[in-house]
Amino acid sequence: MREDYELTKLKVKRRGPLPGLAAGGDRPPKVRITIALDQDLIDHFKTEAAKPGGLPYQTQINQALRRAIDTGEASLADAEAIKAALLEDVEFLETLARKIRAA
């Protein structure tokens, strides 16, 4: 056996989660499931994942769902902002008026 080894060239493979993530954090563990989603949603997230630095598409879907849950109240504010923008959009209002007259 060699007495002197070049330890600077030694490659160590990490096994298991990163030390900072080993405690599990404040989020519950992920569970493997089967879910049916629209193809355009999958295509969107896979396209985002293919970009440089993009997260895996399943992680992005998980994050989008988490944001939807965490910001449930914000979606009401978004709806109000959309409503305000539509009420200022003359073209939208004219189209709406034509549809009401035609009905």
C-alpha atoms as a PDB file:
ATOM      1  CA  MET A   1       0.000   0.000   0.000  1.00  0.00           C
ATOM      2  CA  ARG A   2       1.194   3.514  -0.754  1.00  0.00           C
ATOM      3  CA  GLU A   3       2.323   5.519   2.181  1.00  0.00           C
ATOM      4  CA  ASP A   4       1.638   8.944   0.633  1.00  0.00           C
ATOM      5  CA  TYR A   5      -1.609   9.733  -1.121  1.00  0.00           C
ATOM      6  CA  GLU A   6      -2.486  12.919  -2.961  1.00  0.00           C
ATOM      7  CA  LEU A   7      -5.629  13.851  -1.011  1.00  0.00           C
ATOM      8  CA  THR A   8      -6.218  17.082  -2.946  1.00  0.00           C
ATOM      9  CA  LYS A   9      -7.278  15.000  -5.942  1.00  0.00           C
ATOM     10  CA  LEU A  10      -9.580  12.794  -3.904  1.00  0.00           C
ATOM     11  CA  LYS A  11     -13.184  12.931  -5.056  1.00  0.00           C
ATOM     12  CA  VAL A  12     -15.817  12.303  -2.418  1.00  0.00           C
ATOM     13  CA  LYS A  13     -19.339  11.417  -3.445  1.00  0.00           C
ATOM     14  CA  ARG A  14     -22.047  12.922  -1.295  1.00  0.00           C
ATOM     15  CA  ARG A  15     -24.769  10.553  -0.241  1.00  0.00           C
ATOM     16  CA  GLY A  16     -28.131  11.639   1.106  1.00  0.00           C
ATOM     17  CA  PRO A  17     -29.534  15.149   1.455  1.00  0.00           C
ATOM     18  CA  LEU A  18     -27.400  18.230   1.879  1.00  0.00           C
ATOM     19  CA  PRO A  19     -26.571  18.856   5.536  1.00  0.00           C
ATOM     20  CA  GLY A  20     -28.699  22.013   5.605  1.00  0.00           C
ATOM     21  CA  LEU A  21     -31.692  20.096   4.294  1.00  0.00           C
ATOM     22  CA  ALA A  22     -31.315  17.009   6.445  1.00  0.00           C
ATOM     23  CA  ALA A  23     -33.487  18.449   9.222  1.00  0.00           C
ATOM     24  CA  GLY A  24     -36.398  18.655   6.788  1.00  0.00           C
ATOM     25  CA  GLY A  25     -37.139  22.336   7.341  1.00  0.00           C
ATOM     26  CA  ASP A  26     -40.666  23.569   7.967  1.00  0.00           C
ATOM     27  CA  ARG A  27     -42.196  21.907   4.911  1.00  0.00           C
ATOM     28  CA  PRO A  28     -43.633  18.405   4.883  1.00  0.00           C
ATOM     29  CA  PRO A  29     -41.772  15.736   2.914  1.00  0.00           C
ATOM     30  CA  LYS A  30     -42.687  15.270  -0.733  1.00  0.00           C
ATOM     31  CA  VAL A  31     -44.917  12.348  -1.648  1.00  0.00           C
ATOM     32  CA  ARG A  32     -44.834  10.546  -4.986  1.00  0.00           C
ATOM     33  CA  ILE A  33     -48.242  10.610  -6.708  1.00  0.00           C
ATOM     34  CA  THR A  34     -49.735  10.193 -10.156  1.00  0.00           C
ATOM     35  CA  ILE A  35     -51.668  13.181 -11.472  1.00  0.00           C
ATOM     36  CA  ALA A  36     -53.198  14.042 -14.826  1.00  0.00           C
ATOM     37  CA  LEU A  37     -52.451  17.581 -16.047  1.00  0.00           C
ATOM     38  CA  ASP A  38     -53.203  19.340 -19.312  1.00  0.00           C
ATOM     39  CA  GLN A  39     -50.463  18.870 -21.906  1.00  0.00           C
ATOM     40  CA  ASP A  40     -49.967  22.617 -22.367  1.00  0.00           C
ATOM     41  CA  LEU A  41     -49.146  22.969 -18.656  1.00  0.00           C
ATOM     42  CA  ILE A  42     -46.569  20.202 -18.826  1.00  0.00           C
ATOM     43  CA  ASP A  43     -45.078  21.707 -22.002  1.00  0.00           C
ATOM     44  CA  HIS A  44     -44.798  25.112 -20.325  1.00  0.00           C
ATOM     45  CA  PHE A  45     -42.982  23.797 -17.254  1.00  0.00           C
ATOM     46  CA  LYS A  46     -40.711  21.518 -19.308  1.00  0.00           C
ATOM     47  CA  THR A  47     -39.772  24.496 -21.511  1.00  0.00           C
ATOM     48  CA  GLU A  48     -38.921  26.511 -18.403  1.00  0.00           C
ATOM     49  CA  ALA A  49     -36.891  23.572 -17.054  1.00  0.00           C
ATOM     50  CA  ALA A  50     -34.886  23.380 -20.293  1.00  0.00           C
ATOM     51  CA  LYS A  51     -33.670  26.968 -19.896  1.00  0.00           C
ATOM     52  CA  PRO A  52     -30.207  27.477 -18.385  1.00  0.00           C
ATOM     53  CA  GLY A  53     -30.474  27.314 -14.616  1.00  0.00           C
ATOM     54  CA  GLY A  54     -34.072  26.109 -14.796  1.00  0.00           C
ATOM     55  CA  LEU A  55     -35.381  23.933 -12.009  1.00  0.00           C
ATOM     56  CA  PRO A  56     -36.818  20.491 -12.825  1.00  0.00           C
ATOM     57  CA  TYR A  57     -40.369  20.830 -14.121  1.00  0.00           C
ATOM     58  CA  GLN A  58     -41.904  18.860 -11.242  1.00  0.00           C
ATOM     59  CA  THR A  59     -40.255  21.211  -8.755  1.00  0.00           C
ATOM     60  CA  GLN A  60     -41.630  24.195 -10.669  1.00  0.00           C
ATOM     61  CA  ILE A  61     -45.144  22.733 -10.600  1.00  0.00           C
ATOM     62  CA  ASN A  62     -44.782  22.133  -6.853  1.00  0.00           C
ATOM     63  CA  GLN A  63     -43.654  25.742  -6.341  1.00  0.00           C
ATOM     64  CA  ALA A  64     -46.535  27.097  -8.439  1.00  0.00           C
ATOM     65  CA  LEU A  65     -49.038  25.110  -6.387  1.00  0.00           C
ATOM     66  CA  ARG A  66     -47.421  26.279  -3.150  1.00  0.00           C
ATOM     67  CA  ARG A  67     -47.623  29.929  -4.292  1.00  0.00           C
ATOM     68  CA  ALA A  68     -51.292  29.433  -5.161  1.00  0.00           C
ATOM     69  CA  ILE A  69     -51.949  28.150  -1.641  1.00  0.00           C
ATOM     70  CA  ASP A  70     -49.748  30.667   0.162  1.00  0.00           C
ATOM     71  CA  THR A  71     -51.109  33.673  -1.749  1.00  0.00           C
ATOM     72  CA  GLY A  72     -54.780  32.721  -1.838  1.00  0.00           C
ATOM     73  CA  GLU A  73     -55.753  36.144  -0.556  1.00  0.00           C
ATOM     74  CA  ALA A  74     -53.531  37.836  -3.125  1.00  0.00           C
ATOM     75  CA  SER A  75     -55.569  36.247  -5.899  1.00  0.00           C
ATOM     76  CA  LEU A  76     -58.538  38.359  -4.767  1.00  0.00           C
ATOM     77  CA  ALA A  77     -56.378  41.463  -5.100  1.00  0.00           C
ATOM     78  CA  ASP A  78     -55.314  40.272  -8.547  1.00  0.00           C
ATOM     79  CA  ALA A  79     -58.952  39.872  -9.547  1.00  0.00           C
ATOM     80  CA  GLU A  80     -59.688  43.415  -8.392  1.00  0.00           C
ATOM     81  CA  ALA A  81     -56.716  44.739 -10.371  1.00  0.00           C
ATOM     82  CA  ILE A  82     -57.897  42.900 -13.494  1.00  0.00           C
ATOM     83  CA  LYS A  83     -61.417  44.231 -13.040  1.00  0.00           C
ATOM     84  CA  ALA A  84     -60.111  47.800 -12.673  1.00  0.00           C
ATOM     85  CA  ALA A  85     -57.956  47.421 -15.793  1.00  0.00           C
ATOM     86  CA  LEU A  86     -60.887  46.054 -17.830  1.00  0.00           C
ATOM     87  CA  LEU A  87     -63.129  48.925 -16.755  1.00  0.00           C
ATOM     88  CA  GLU A  88     -60.528  51.346 -18.137  1.00  0.00           C
ATOM     89  CA  ASP A  89     -60.121  49.423 -21.419  1.00  0.00           C
ATOM     90  CA  VAL A  90     -62.330  51.216 -23.978  1.00  0.00           C
ATOM     91  CA  GLU A  91     -62.081  48.420 -26.556  1.00  0.00           C
ATOM     92  CA  PHE A  92     -63.198  45.848 -23.976  1.00  0.00           C
ATOM     93  CA  LEU A  93     -66.123  48.018 -22.903  1.00  0.00           C
ATOM     94  CA  GLU A  94     -67.232  48.571 -26.521  1.00  0.00           C
ATOM     95  CA  THR A  95     -67.079  44.831 -27.227  1.00  0.00           C
ATOM     96  CA  LEU A  96     -69.035  44.134 -24.052  1.00  0.00           C
ATOM     97  CA  ALA A  97     -71.678  46.710 -25.001  1.00  0.00           C
ATOM     98  CA  ARG A  98     -72.061  45.131 -28.468  1.00  0.00           C
ATOM     99  CA  LYS A  99     -72.527  41.690 -26.927  1.00  0.00           C
ATOM    100  CA  ILE A 100     -75.116  43.010 -24.474  1.00  0.00           C
ATOM    101  CA  ARG A 101     -77.060  44.751 -27.281  1.00  0.00           C
ATOM    102  CA  ALA A 102     -76.955  41.558 -29.377  1.00  0.00           C
ATOM    103  CA  ALA A 103     -78.295  39.437 -26.521  1.00  0.00           C
END
